[in-house]
Protein backbone atom coordinates (compact mmCIF):
# COMPACT_ATOMS: atom_id res chain seq x y z
CA MET A 1 20.73 -50.55 -11.03
CA SER A 2 22.34 -50.72 -14.61
CA LYS A 3 25.97 -50.13 -15.06
CA GLN A 4 25.04 -46.75 -16.47
CA THR A 5 24.72 -44.87 -13.01
CA PHE A 6 25.01 -41.11 -13.07
CA HIS A 7 25.08 -39.74 -8.88
CA LEU A 8 23.85 -36.27 -8.54
CA GLY A 9 23.85 -33.77 -5.78
CA LEU A 10 21.78 -31.25 -5.19
CA SER A 11 22.86 -27.52 -3.63
CA MET A 12 20.39 -25.42 -2.89
CA ALA A 13 21.70 -21.26 -2.11
CA GLY A 14 20.03 -18.76 0.79
CA ALA A 15 16.84 -17.64 -0.56
CA VAL A 16 15.22 -16.25 2.64
CA SER A 17 11.22 -16.31 1.37
CA ALA A 18 12.27 -17.22 -2.42
CA GLY A 19 12.84 -20.17 -0.67
CA ALA A 20 9.24 -21.16 -2.47
CA TYR A 21 11.39 -20.63 -6.17
CA THR A 22 13.67 -23.35 -4.69
CA ALA A 23 11.02 -25.78 -3.47
CA GLY A 24 8.86 -25.62 -6.44
CA PHE A 25 12.03 -26.47 -8.68
CA MET A 26 12.81 -29.41 -6.39
CA ASP A 27 9.40 -30.67 -6.28
CA TYR A 28 9.14 -31.09 -9.94
CA ILE A 29 12.70 -32.58 -10.28
CA LEU A 30 10.91 -34.97 -8.11
CA GLU A 31 7.94 -35.83 -10.24
CA ALA A 32 10.40 -36.08 -12.94
CA LEU A 33 12.47 -39.12 -11.54
CA SER A 34 9.53 -40.45 -10.21
CA GLU A 35 8.15 -40.47 -13.73
CA TRP A 36 10.85 -41.72 -15.39
CA GLU A 37 10.96 -44.44 -12.95
CA ASN A 38 7.64 -45.68 -13.75
CA ALA A 39 7.91 -45.48 -17.13
CA LYS A 40 11.05 -47.21 -17.06
CA LYS A 41 8.95 -50.72 -14.93
CA GLU A 42 5.89 -49.76 -17.58
CA GLN A 43 8.08 -50.58 -20.55
CA ALA A 44 10.93 -52.74 -18.80
CA ASN A 45 9.92 -55.78 -21.69
CA ASN A 46 9.40 -54.05 -24.22
CA PRO A 47 12.57 -53.92 -27.02
CA GLU A 48 11.01 -50.73 -28.72
CA SER A 49 10.58 -48.78 -25.68
CA ASN A 50 11.23 -44.96 -26.19
CA ILE A 51 12.06 -44.65 -22.62
CA PRO A 52 16.27 -44.43 -21.51
CA LYS A 53 16.81 -47.28 -19.49
CA HIS A 54 19.98 -45.51 -18.00
CA ASP A 55 19.92 -44.81 -13.60
CA LEU A 56 20.31 -41.23 -11.57
CA ILE A 57 20.48 -41.97 -8.01
CA ILE A 58 20.79 -38.55 -5.63
CA ASP A 59 23.52 -38.71 -3.21
CA ALA A 60 23.34 -35.47 -1.72
CA ILE A 61 21.50 -32.11 -0.71
CA GLY A 62 23.65 -29.24 0.27
CA GLY A 63 21.25 -26.34 1.68
CA ALA A 64 22.33 -22.80 3.51
CA SER A 65 20.10 -20.58 4.88
CA ALA A 66 16.21 -20.98 2.89
CA GLY A 67 17.94 -23.60 0.81
CA GLY A 68 19.33 -25.61 3.80
CA MET A 69 15.35 -25.39 4.92
CA VAL A 70 14.20 -26.72 1.24
CA GLY A 71 16.28 -29.36 1.78
CA MET A 72 15.39 -30.86 5.21
CA ILE A 73 12.06 -30.96 3.93
CA ALA A 74 12.79 -32.21 0.63
CA THR A 75 14.37 -34.67 2.45
CA LEU A 76 11.72 -35.44 4.87
CA ALA A 77 9.13 -36.14 2.09
CA MET A 78 11.43 -38.11 -0.08
CA TYR A 79 11.81 -39.89 3.43
CA SER A 80 8.47 -40.76 4.23
CA GLY A 81 7.05 -41.96 0.73
CA ASN A 82 4.28 -40.77 0.48
CA TRP A 83 5.13 -37.97 -1.70
CA LYS A 84 3.13 -35.95 -4.35
CA PRO A 85 3.51 -33.04 -6.48
CA VAL A 86 1.66 -29.75 -6.91
CA LYS A 87 0.59 -29.05 -10.58
CA LYS A 88 -1.95 -26.43 -10.13
CA VAL A 89 -2.33 -23.64 -7.71
CA SER A 90 -3.75 -24.50 -4.29
CA ASN A 91 -6.19 -22.46 -1.40
CA VAL A 92 -5.87 -25.48 0.84
CA LYS A 93 -3.40 -27.70 2.07
CA THR A 94 -2.49 -30.40 -0.72
CA GLY A 95 -0.59 -32.61 2.13
CA ASN A 96 2.59 -31.92 -0.08
CA ILE A 97 5.30 -30.96 3.20
CA LEU A 98 7.10 -28.42 -0.36
CA TYR A 99 4.31 -26.51 -0.99
CA ASP A 100 2.29 -26.32 2.44
CA SER A 101 5.38 -25.46 4.35
CA TRP A 102 6.70 -22.71 1.33
CA VAL A 103 3.32 -20.97 0.24
CA PHE A 104 1.26 -21.13 2.75
CA LEU A 105 4.02 -20.82 5.98
CA ASP A 106 2.40 -20.32 9.10
CA ASP A 107 -0.90 -17.82 7.37
CA ASP A 108 -4.12 -18.75 9.00
CA MET A 109 -6.04 -21.31 6.37
CA ASN A 110 -9.58 -19.50 7.37
CA LEU A 111 -7.87 -16.85 5.11
CA TYR A 112 -8.80 -18.36 1.91
CA ASP A 113 -11.68 -20.55 2.67
CA GLY A 114 -14.13 -17.43 2.19
CA THR A 115 -14.25 -16.64 5.77
CA LYS A 116 -10.98 -14.07 5.62
CA LYS A 117 -10.54 -14.39 9.37
CA GLY A 118 -6.91 -15.11 10.67
CA LYS A 119 -3.31 -13.49 10.72
CA THR A 120 -0.79 -13.74 7.94
CA THR A 121 2.38 -14.71 8.72
CA PHE A 122 3.77 -11.50 7.81
CA GLU A 123 1.36 -9.81 10.57
CA LYS A 124 2.19 -12.49 13.32
CA MET A 125 5.90 -11.85 12.59
CA LEU A 126 5.14 -8.25 13.68
CA GLU A 127 3.59 -9.29 17.40
CA THR A 128 5.85 -8.77 20.32
CA SER A 129 5.17 -11.79 22.41
CA ASP A 130 9.21 -12.65 21.44
CA ILE A 131 10.35 -9.98 22.87
CA THR A 132 11.40 -10.02 26.68
CA ALA A 133 12.95 -8.43 29.93
CA LYS A 134 16.17 -9.44 28.04
CA GLY A 135 15.83 -7.73 24.59
CA ALA A 136 14.17 -8.58 21.32
CA PRO A 137 16.20 -11.23 19.69
CA SER A 138 15.61 -10.10 16.08
CA LEU A 139 13.14 -7.36 14.09
CA LEU A 140 10.91 -9.98 13.04
CA ASN A 141 9.38 -11.98 15.58
CA SER A 142 10.37 -15.50 14.66
CA LYS A 143 7.62 -17.93 16.28
CA PRO A 144 6.05 -18.08 13.03
CA ILE A 145 9.31 -20.03 11.70
CA ASP A 146 9.20 -22.12 14.70
CA THR A 147 5.64 -23.79 14.23
CA ILE A 148 6.37 -24.13 10.19
CA ALA A 149 10.07 -25.98 11.24
CA GLU A 150 8.21 -28.15 13.88
CA ARG A 151 5.00 -28.71 11.77
CA VAL A 152 6.62 -30.42 9.22
CA PHE A 153 8.35 -33.15 12.35
CA ASN A 154 5.15 -33.80 13.83
CA GLU A 155 3.44 -34.42 11.04
CA LEU A 156 5.91 -37.02 9.80
CA PRO A 157 4.26 -40.41 8.64
CA THR A 158 4.62 -43.05 11.55
CA ASP A 159 5.60 -45.51 9.08
CA ALA A 160 8.38 -43.16 6.98
CA ASN A 161 11.79 -44.56 7.50
CA ILE A 162 14.93 -45.20 5.17
CA ASN A 163 13.10 -48.02 3.29
CA LYS A 164 10.34 -45.97 2.13
CA LEU A 165 13.34 -43.48 -0.16
CA PRO A 166 12.40 -43.43 -3.52
CA LYS A 167 14.36 -46.02 -6.17
CA TYR A 168 16.14 -43.12 -7.37
CA VAL A 169 17.65 -41.94 -3.45
CA SER A 170 20.92 -43.29 -2.16
CA LYS A 171 20.44 -45.62 0.76
CA ASP A 172 23.29 -43.78 1.97
CA PHE A 173 22.07 -40.58 1.43
CA ARG A 174 23.48 -37.45 3.00
CA LEU A 175 21.93 -33.65 3.91
CA LEU A 176 24.85 -31.33 4.78
CA ILE A 177 23.35 -27.98 6.67
CA THR A 178 24.77 -24.90 6.73
CA LEU A 179 25.04 -23.30 10.00
CA THR A 180 27.95 -19.69 11.15
CA SER A 181 28.96 -20.08 14.93
CA LEU A 182 29.29 -17.53 16.88
CA ARG A 183 31.90 -18.80 19.37
CA PRO A 184 35.13 -19.77 16.93
CA LEU A 185 36.27 -23.33 16.69
CA GLY A 186 40.21 -23.21 16.30
CA TYR A 187 43.01 -24.98 15.10
CA ASN A 188 46.52 -24.12 15.49
CA LEU A 189 49.53 -24.49 12.99
CA LYS A 190 52.21 -25.61 14.50
CA MET A 191 55.18 -23.47 13.45
CA SER A 192 58.78 -24.47 12.95
CA ARG A 193 61.01 -25.97 16.82
CA LEU A 194 63.09 -23.44 17.20
CA GLN A 195 64.88 -23.06 20.65
CA SER A 196 66.46 -20.60 22.40
CA LYS A 197 67.67 -19.30 26.17
CA PHE A 198 64.43 -17.44 25.90
CA LEU A 199 62.08 -19.61 24.44
CA ASP A 200 61.99 -23.82 24.97
CA GLU A 201 59.70 -23.97 21.21
CA THR A 202 58.14 -21.57 19.16
CA PRO A 203 54.75 -21.18 20.02
CA GLY A 204 52.30 -22.10 17.25
CA HIS A 205 49.79 -20.22 15.41
CA HIS A 206 45.71 -19.80 16.01
CA VAL A 207 43.63 -19.68 13.39
CA ASN A 208 39.87 -19.30 13.90
CA SER A 209 36.93 -20.59 12.15
CA HIS A 210 33.40 -20.24 12.31
CA ASP A 211 32.03 -22.54 9.04
CA VAL A 212 29.27 -25.23 11.01
CA VAL A 213 28.71 -27.67 8.73
CA ALA A 214 25.76 -30.03 10.38
CA HIS A 215 26.38 -33.65 8.18
CA PHE A 216 23.23 -35.96 8.61
CA LYS A 217 23.88 -39.85 7.40
CA LEU A 218 20.30 -41.47 6.89
CA ASN A 219 21.53 -45.33 7.80
CA TYR A 220 23.21 -43.71 10.23
CA ASN A 221 25.29 -46.36 12.52
CA GLU A 222 26.47 -45.27 15.76
CA ALA A 223 29.18 -48.04 16.32
CA ASN A 224 30.94 -46.18 13.36
CA ASP A 225 29.62 -43.17 12.90
CA LYS A 226 29.50 -41.59 16.63
CA GLY A 227 31.28 -38.74 16.55
CA LYS A 228 31.75 -38.12 12.06
CA TYR A 229 28.31 -37.51 11.42
CA LEU A 230 24.67 -36.78 12.93
CA PRO A 231 22.06 -39.45 13.58
CA PHE A 232 18.70 -38.57 10.43
CA GLN A 233 16.47 -40.10 13.06
CA PRO A 234 12.67 -37.94 13.08
CA HIS A 235 11.23 -40.50 15.17
CA LYS A 236 13.25 -40.29 17.72
CA LYS A 237 12.30 -37.49 19.95
CA LEU A 238 16.03 -36.11 20.87
CA SER A 239 16.85 -36.39 17.03
CA ARG A 240 13.65 -34.84 15.83
CA ASP A 241 14.20 -31.89 18.09
CA PHE A 242 17.69 -31.61 16.71
CA LEU A 243 16.46 -31.98 13.64
CA ALA A 244 14.19 -28.66 13.87
CA LYS A 245 16.28 -27.01 15.83
CA VAL A 246 18.85 -27.30 13.11
CA THR A 247 16.31 -26.31 10.14
CA LYS A 248 15.45 -22.96 12.02
CA ALA A 249 18.99 -21.87 12.74
CA THR A 250 20.37 -22.63 9.42
CA GLY A 251 17.59 -19.42 8.00
CA ALA A 252 18.58 -17.49 11.31
CA PHE A 253 19.05 -14.40 8.64
CA PRO A 254 21.14 -11.74 10.77
CA PHE A 255 18.86 -9.36 13.02
CA GLY A 256 15.67 -10.35 10.98
CA LEU A 257 15.52 -13.42 12.56
CA GLN A 258 16.25 -15.29 15.77
CA PRO A 259 19.61 -16.82 16.62
CA ARG A 260 19.65 -20.18 17.63
CA TYR A 261 21.78 -21.42 20.58
CA PHE A 262 23.00 -24.96 21.15
CA ASP A 263 23.86 -26.33 24.75
CA ASP A 264 24.79 -29.70 24.29
CA GLU A 265 23.83 -31.40 20.66
CA PHE A 266 27.22 -31.03 18.82
CA SER A 267 29.89 -33.11 20.38
CA SER A 268 33.16 -31.66 19.94
CA ASP A 269 34.82 -34.87 18.68
CA TYR A 270 32.04 -34.82 15.28
CA LEU A 271 32.99 -30.74 14.92
CA LYS A 272 36.92 -31.22 15.24
CA TYR A 273 36.73 -34.96 12.42
CA SER A 274 34.03 -32.27 10.62
CA LEU A 275 36.57 -29.35 10.49
CA LYS A 276 39.39 -31.93 9.45
CA ALA A 277 37.50 -33.40 6.75
CA ARG A 278 36.66 -29.96 5.22
CA LYS A 279 39.98 -28.26 5.60
CA SER A 280 41.81 -31.35 3.72
CA PHE A 281 43.62 -31.51 6.91
CA ASN A 282 45.92 -34.80 6.85
CA THR A 283 48.45 -36.55 9.11
CA GLU A 284 51.67 -34.66 6.76
CA MET A 285 50.22 -30.78 7.92
CA ASP A 286 51.52 -29.56 11.29
CA VAL A 287 48.05 -28.63 12.05
CA ILE A 288 46.33 -29.19 15.67
CA ILE A 289 42.74 -28.94 16.58
CA ASN A 290 42.50 -27.38 19.70
CA PRO A 291 40.61 -29.98 22.32
CA GLU A 292 37.79 -28.57 24.20
CA GLU A 293 37.87 -29.21 27.99
CA ALA A 294 33.81 -30.32 27.78
CA SER A 295 32.47 -33.26 25.72
CA LYS A 296 30.43 -30.51 23.85
CA PHE A 297 30.37 -27.13 22.16
CA GLN A 298 28.17 -24.60 23.02
CA PHE A 299 27.70 -21.88 20.73
CA THR A 300 25.36 -19.19 19.00
CA ALA A 301 24.24 -20.32 15.39
CA ILE A 302 23.29 -17.79 13.15
CA ASP A 303 22.24 -17.80 9.27
CA GLY A 304 24.26 -20.79 7.53
CA GLY A 305 24.42 -18.26 4.58
CA THR A 306 26.29 -15.74 6.53
CA ILE A 307 29.82 -17.83 5.61
CA ASN A 308 28.92 -20.15 3.40
CA ASN A 309 25.75 -19.51 0.80
CA GLU A 310 26.44 -21.57 -1.76
CA PRO A 311 27.33 -25.13 -0.55
CA PHE A 312 27.79 -27.11 -4.11
CA ASP A 313 31.52 -27.38 -2.68
CA GLU A 314 30.25 -29.40 0.44
CA VAL A 315 28.55 -31.29 -1.62
CA LEU A 316 30.67 -31.85 -4.23
CA ARG A 317 33.60 -33.11 -1.53
CA GLN A 318 30.76 -36.06 -0.79
CA LEU A 319 30.27 -36.77 -4.19
CA ILE A 320 34.56 -36.81 -4.73
CA GLU A 321 34.78 -39.50 -1.51
CA LYS A 322 32.18 -41.73 -2.86
CA HIS A 323 32.77 -42.21 -6.95
CA GLY A 324 36.44 -40.83 -7.00
CA LYS A 325 38.47 -38.46 -9.55
CA PRO A 326 35.90 -37.44 -12.06
CA ASN A 327 36.26 -38.28 -15.76
CA LYS A 328 35.98 -35.73 -17.88
CA LYS A 329 34.95 -37.40 -21.26
CA ASN A 330 32.22 -39.54 -19.21
CA PRO A 331 30.94 -38.33 -16.10
CA SER A 332 29.75 -40.10 -13.10
CA TYR A 333 28.59 -37.66 -11.29
CA GLY A 334 27.83 -34.31 -10.62
CA THR A 335 26.04 -31.23 -9.27
CA ILE A 336 23.39 -28.64 -9.70
CA LEU A 337 23.28 -25.25 -7.81
CA ILE A 338 19.46 -23.74 -7.53
CA ASP A 339 21.05 -20.51 -6.66
CA PRO A 340 17.34 -17.68 -6.09
CA PHE A 341 19.82 -14.40 -6.29
CA PRO A 342 23.43 -15.88 -8.58
CA ASN A 343 25.86 -13.71 -8.44
CA PHE A 344 27.52 -14.27 -12.40
CA PHE A 345 30.68 -13.22 -12.78
CA GLU A 346 29.91 -11.72 -16.13
CA ASP A 347 27.68 -9.41 -14.58
CA LYS A 348 28.09 -5.51 -15.79
CA ILE A 349 29.30 -2.90 -13.47
CA THR A 350 27.39 -0.04 -14.80
CA THR A 351 28.52 2.45 -12.08
CA VAL A 352 32.24 1.78 -10.83
CA PRO A 353 32.76 1.82 -7.49
CA ASN A 354 35.51 4.25 -6.31
CA TYR A 355 37.50 2.36 -4.38
CA ASN A 356 40.06 4.77 -3.27
CA ILE A 357 38.36 4.78 0.27
CA SER A 358 40.35 7.43 2.85
CA SER A 359 37.40 7.86 5.88
CA ILE A 360 36.61 6.00 8.99
CA PHE A 361 33.29 5.57 7.67
CA GLY A 362 34.09 4.41 4.10
CA ILE A 363 36.28 1.70 5.60
CA LEU A 364 33.58 0.62 8.15
CA GLY A 365 31.32 0.61 5.20
CA GLY A 366 33.20 -1.43 3.08
CA LEU A 367 34.85 -3.95 5.50
CA VAL A 368 31.36 -5.92 6.13
CA PRO A 369 31.14 -7.21 2.78
CA THR A 370 35.17 -7.72 2.67
CA ILE A 371 34.89 -9.81 5.44
CA LEU A 372 31.73 -11.68 3.79
CA ASN A 373 32.84 -12.25 0.95
CA GLN A 374 35.98 -13.78 1.92
CA ALA A 375 34.68 -16.03 4.12
CA ARG A 376 32.56 -17.21 1.34
CA ASN A 377 35.44 -18.41 -0.42
CA LYS A 378 34.78 -22.04 -2.18
CA GLN A 379 37.75 -24.97 -1.32
CA ASN A 380 39.95 -25.55 -3.49
CA ASP A 381 38.66 -29.34 -4.23
CA THR A 382 35.56 -27.19 -6.32
CA TYR A 383 37.75 -26.03 -8.67
CA GLY A 384 38.73 -29.10 -10.20
CA VAL A 385 38.64 -29.41 -13.94
CA GLY A 386 36.24 -31.94 -15.36
CA LEU A 387 33.67 -31.54 -12.27
CA PHE A 388 29.91 -31.46 -13.61
CA LYS A 389 28.75 -27.94 -12.28
CA LEU A 390 25.91 -26.96 -13.33
CA ILE A 391 24.11 -23.90 -11.92
CA SER A 392 20.11 -22.69 -12.52
CA PHE A 393 18.31 -19.71 -11.61
CA PRO A 394 14.75 -17.64 -11.87
CA ARG A 395 14.06 -16.96 -15.75
CA LYS A 396 10.75 -15.79 -17.10
CA LEU A 397 10.59 -15.71 -20.66
CA LYS A 398 8.02 -14.07 -22.53
CA PRO A 399 5.48 -15.89 -24.29
CA GLY A 400 7.08 -17.53 -27.24
CA ALA A 401 10.53 -15.75 -27.47
CA GLN A 402 13.56 -15.82 -25.57
CA ALA A 403 13.56 -12.95 -24.79
CA LEU A 404 12.87 -12.31 -20.92
CA ARG A 405 9.60 -10.59 -19.22
CA ASP A 406 10.12 -7.04 -18.39
CA HIS A 407 9.90 -8.01 -15.02
CA PRO A 408 12.32 -9.34 -12.41
CA PRO A 409 11.70 -13.06 -12.45
CA LEU A 410 11.46 -13.14 -8.64
CA ALA A 411 7.99 -11.55 -6.77
CA THR A 412 9.57 -12.95 -3.70
CA GLY A 413 12.75 -10.94 -3.64
CA GLY A 414 11.45 -7.65 -2.83
CA VAL A 415 13.08 -6.29 0.14
CA GLY A 416 16.31 -8.03 0.23
CA GLY A 417 13.94 -11.72 -0.01
CA PHE A 418 11.85 -11.16 3.17
CA GLY A 419 9.63 -9.65 0.40
CA GLY A 420 7.36 -13.02 -0.63
CA PHE A 421 6.58 -12.98 3.58
CA LEU A 422 3.96 -10.19 2.85
CA ASP A 423 1.56 -12.01 0.35
CA ILE A 424 1.09 -15.36 -0.72
CA LYS A 425 0.48 -15.08 -4.17
CA PHE A 426 4.15 -13.76 -4.17
CA ARG A 427 4.48 -17.14 -2.84
CA GLN A 428 2.64 -18.94 -5.25
CA HIS A 429 4.03 -17.62 -8.72
CA ASP A 430 7.32 -18.39 -6.81
CA PHE A 431 6.99 -21.67 -6.44
CA PHE A 432 5.58 -22.55 -9.91
CA LEU A 433 8.10 -20.78 -11.11
CA GLY A 434 10.72 -23.06 -9.69
CA ARG A 435 8.91 -25.82 -11.13
CA ASP A 436 8.87 -24.16 -14.97
CA ASN A 437 12.16 -23.53 -14.52
CA ALA A 438 12.67 -27.19 -13.56
CA ARG A 439 11.15 -28.30 -16.47
CA ASN A 440 12.98 -26.22 -18.76
CA PHE A 441 16.59 -27.28 -16.77
CA LEU A 442 16.01 -30.53 -17.34
CA ARG A 443 15.00 -30.64 -20.98
CA GLY A 444 17.61 -27.75 -22.37
CA PHE A 445 20.63 -28.16 -19.63
CA LEU A 446 21.36 -30.85 -18.12
CA PHE A 447 22.52 -33.04 -20.57
CA LEU A 448 25.65 -35.28 -21.67
CA GLU A 449 26.48 -36.32 -24.63
CA TYR A 450 25.53 -39.60 -26.44
CA ASP A 451 28.57 -41.78 -27.96
CA LYS A 452 27.16 -45.00 -29.24
CA GLU A 453 30.52 -47.12 -29.40
CA ASP A 454 31.76 -46.41 -26.03
CA PRO A 455 30.64 -48.55 -23.10
CA ASN A 456 31.52 -46.00 -20.58
CA ASN A 457 28.96 -43.56 -21.69
CA LEU A 458 25.96 -42.95 -19.36
CA PHE A 459 23.57 -43.73 -21.89
CA HIS A 460 25.43 -47.00 -23.74
CA GLY A 461 22.48 -48.82 -24.28
CA THR A 462 19.83 -46.65 -25.82
CA SER A 463 17.17 -47.80 -27.82
CA ASP A 464 16.81 -46.21 -31.16
CA GLU A 465 13.26 -44.88 -29.76
CA ALA A 466 14.35 -43.07 -26.82
CA LEU A 467 17.23 -41.67 -28.92
CA LYS A 468 14.53 -40.74 -31.22
CA THR A 469 12.37 -39.30 -28.76
CA PHE A 470 14.88 -37.76 -26.44
CA GLN A 471 18.05 -36.50 -28.43
CA ARG A 472 19.49 -32.84 -29.45
CA LYS A 473 21.57 -32.38 -32.01
CA ILE A 474 24.25 -29.51 -31.96
CA GLU A 475 26.53 -28.05 -34.64
CA GLN A 476 29.83 -27.56 -33.63
CA ASP A 477 32.35 -25.23 -34.99
CA ASP A 478 33.33 -27.53 -37.85
CA GLY A 479 30.10 -28.49 -38.90
CA SER A 480 29.51 -31.62 -37.89
CA GLU A 481 26.91 -32.74 -35.43
CA LYS A 482 26.80 -34.14 -31.76
CA ILE A 483 24.19 -36.04 -29.99
CA TYR A 484 22.97 -34.82 -26.49
CA MET A 485 20.51 -36.43 -23.82
CA PRO A 486 19.23 -35.54 -21.16
CA ILE A 487 20.51 -37.06 -17.36
CA ILE A 488 17.19 -36.86 -16.33
CA PRO A 489 14.72 -37.59 -19.26
CA ASP A 490 11.47 -35.27 -18.51
CA ILE A 491 8.32 -37.81 -19.79
CA SER A 492 6.12 -34.74 -19.18
CA LYS A 493 7.97 -33.94 -22.64
CA ILE A 494 6.25 -36.73 -24.57
CA ASN A 495 2.48 -35.54 -24.23
CA GLY A 496 3.32 -32.60 -26.10
CA ASP A 497 3.76 -30.22 -23.24
CA THR A 498 7.07 -28.36 -24.68
CA ASN A 499 6.63 -24.92 -24.80
CA PRO A 500 9.07 -23.57 -22.68
CA SER A 501 7.69 -19.93 -22.49
CA LYS A 502 4.63 -21.84 -20.41
CA TYR A 503 4.07 -20.90 -17.23
CA GLU A 504 1.40 -22.26 -14.77
CA VAL A 505 1.55 -18.48 -13.34
CA ASP A 506 1.92 -16.33 -15.92
CA ASP A 507 0.73 -12.86 -14.32
CA PHE A 508 3.64 -11.29 -11.94
CA PRO A 509 1.44 -10.21 -8.84
CA LYS A 510 1.06 -6.92 -7.58
CA PHE A 511 2.07 -5.59 -4.15
CA ASN A 512 -1.18 -4.82 -2.22
CA THR A 513 -0.93 -0.98 -0.74
CA ASP A 514 -4.33 -1.09 0.29
CA ALA A 515 -2.63 -4.48 2.76
CA PHE A 516 0.68 -2.93 3.42
CA LYS A 517 -1.10 0.11 5.07
CA LYS A 518 -2.94 -1.47 7.50
CA LEU A 519 0.36 -2.91 8.71
CA GLU A 520 1.48 0.06 9.68
CA LYS A 521 0.63 0.30 13.59
CA PRO A 522 1.22 -3.12 13.62
CA ILE A 523 5.61 -2.18 12.65
CA LYS A 524 5.07 0.51 14.55
CA ASN A 525 4.45 -0.89 17.94
CA ARG A 526 6.98 -3.77 17.09
CA VAL A 527 9.93 -0.74 16.23
CA LYS A 528 8.44 0.47 19.80
CA ALA A 529 8.51 -2.16 21.81
CA ILE A 530 12.25 -3.00 20.90
CA ILE A 531 13.21 0.14 21.21
CA LYS A 532 12.08 0.19 24.73
CA ALA A 533 13.38 -3.79 25.47
CA GLU A 534 16.77 -2.73 24.33
CA LEU A 535 17.22 0.25 25.79
CA LYS A 536 15.56 -0.51 29.06
CA GLY A 537 19.02 -0.77 32.03
CA LYS A 538 21.00 0.35 29.61
CA ILE A 539 20.25 3.85 30.18
CA LYS A 540 22.11 4.77 33.91
CA SER A 541 20.83 8.13 34.44
CA TRP A 542 18.02 8.56 36.14
CA TRP A 543 17.20 12.08 34.14
CA LEU A 544 17.18 10.48 31.03
CA ARG A 545 14.48 7.65 31.50
CA PRO A 546 11.53 10.20 30.94
CA VAL A 547 13.38 12.29 28.32
CA VAL A 548 13.80 8.56 25.88
CA GLY A 549 10.34 7.08 27.14
CA MET A 550 8.96 10.65 25.76
CA PHE A 551 10.73 10.66 22.38
CA ARG A 552 10.23 6.80 22.08
CA GLY A 553 6.91 6.89 20.28
CA THR A 554 8.43 9.77 17.65
CA ILE A 555 11.41 7.68 17.29
CA ALA A 556 9.43 4.49 16.51
CA LYS A 557 6.86 6.61 13.82
CA LYS A 558 9.89 7.87 12.17
CA ILE A 559 11.50 4.59 11.18
CA THR A 560 7.77 2.78 10.46
CA LYS A 561 7.44 6.05 8.23
CA TRP A 562 10.92 4.85 6.71
CA ALA A 563 10.72 1.59 6.25
CA MET A 564 7.18 1.52 4.47
CA GLU A 565 8.28 3.88 2.03
CA HIS A 566 11.96 1.89 1.38
CA ILE A 567 9.69 -1.20 0.68
CA GLU A 568 6.94 0.38 -0.87
CA ALA A 569 9.87 2.17 -3.18
CA ASP A 570 11.47 -1.33 -3.63
CA PHE A 571 8.62 -3.26 -4.94
CA LYS A 572 7.98 0.39 -7.01
CA GLU A 573 11.08 -0.44 -8.66
CA ARG A 574 10.32 -4.01 -9.20
CA LYS A 575 7.28 -3.25 -11.19
CA MET A 576 4.93 -4.60 -8.81
């Protein structure tokens, strides 16, 4: 490793089916890093090389919901050592688990071999096989999600191990996946010790925390790491099953997809240590984390994005712990947040909300987003001056212009992000939009200033040829000029591929109304089955049961009609 090394953390936000975009973005990042490493090897002995010689190491990936699922799959891809990028649309399995998992999902492959026989993932999600006498676990059948998660582990090469990691991945790599626990993990804030004849000691104030982070360490050593980190050992059954369950749990979208129950997988010691580290508790603080009677902590988990949807604070904390305080002049580490549905502080508000709320239902309507927004507040270590933090988000430009196209960038963004489950074409479009956006991000944004005279500069010692090939000159307000160089040089740029508005899938896919209308019956059947399962045993009056049964079909029909009209209107508004 050269002296000049940049340490990178990748953060992946929740996205539902738009995880296809994040997967494509990650696919291109891995391709660019691999091509750069290969080019450095080929030009190692060439003093006139036009390849920048600094290094980049990925230290951590953090993810929530679909971002957590992409993070897990990307880690498995790097761990296997046989990853190959997907550069063209494919209707057959490629062996690239990022593409195969997020583009095909659980579609039957016969749909794409000419016979067109089989079921799509969404059709399988409308089946009622998951509904039992206990009720419906979720609005959609989550068994296809189980199949996808389990497949990526079952198909992992037997020789995959930490030694197969590419050079650009740290041997001390961390994978951080967020979960939301419906059971609180509590701690006490001790109050001042005041006594009276009525009270021996002032009681403490109890606080509850529901955010859980599954912190996996690839070079896990049980003697040193037990109770602090989680093992990443996908060839051992217990670890593999746990990894798969965490993957399913982080994407367990509330109500929409099935929650996951953890019985004995998380130890109380681990959760206490994690809480202490994430809340920055220390011995000078009057805080006591509540001891649990059992050694394990049982809880039901839902989507990690519920209260921690953009976990770049978790990733930054890892970088700060490993590499110390940030250097504003010469950053040696930073994070990229890949966010398919970003929240921009400069977003224009076209309609000013009415904040004068006085009715019961108005307050209830405002309470849920209030609680969620407050829960998603970042830790204060995120706000440090000098921290290198960038965000990448979907963009699609008009040909040869900087203007955006007239439609939304994401095809999977419909129906609150669930739209991608309806059609493989939506997921193919967004996977390659992710790749193309990553290309433009590496070439246009992921840069640092070049300083030839500073020995601590990341690009110190860069050859004139490399500088000529990759530099960007930016005019300053005072008329002077500064030179910037890419943190990850994109070698494909050398081959003349320089058009930022060129997209592998140029046409925006259209919503197939005829195919969607064929789903009316299975949607109604599932709604009817959910109503039946949820009301069974809850109606005590014998005479009401046949009445409810009589109207169950009518209610299901009305809900189905509303849902289909809502979905069609949503796609129409998105110009699809």
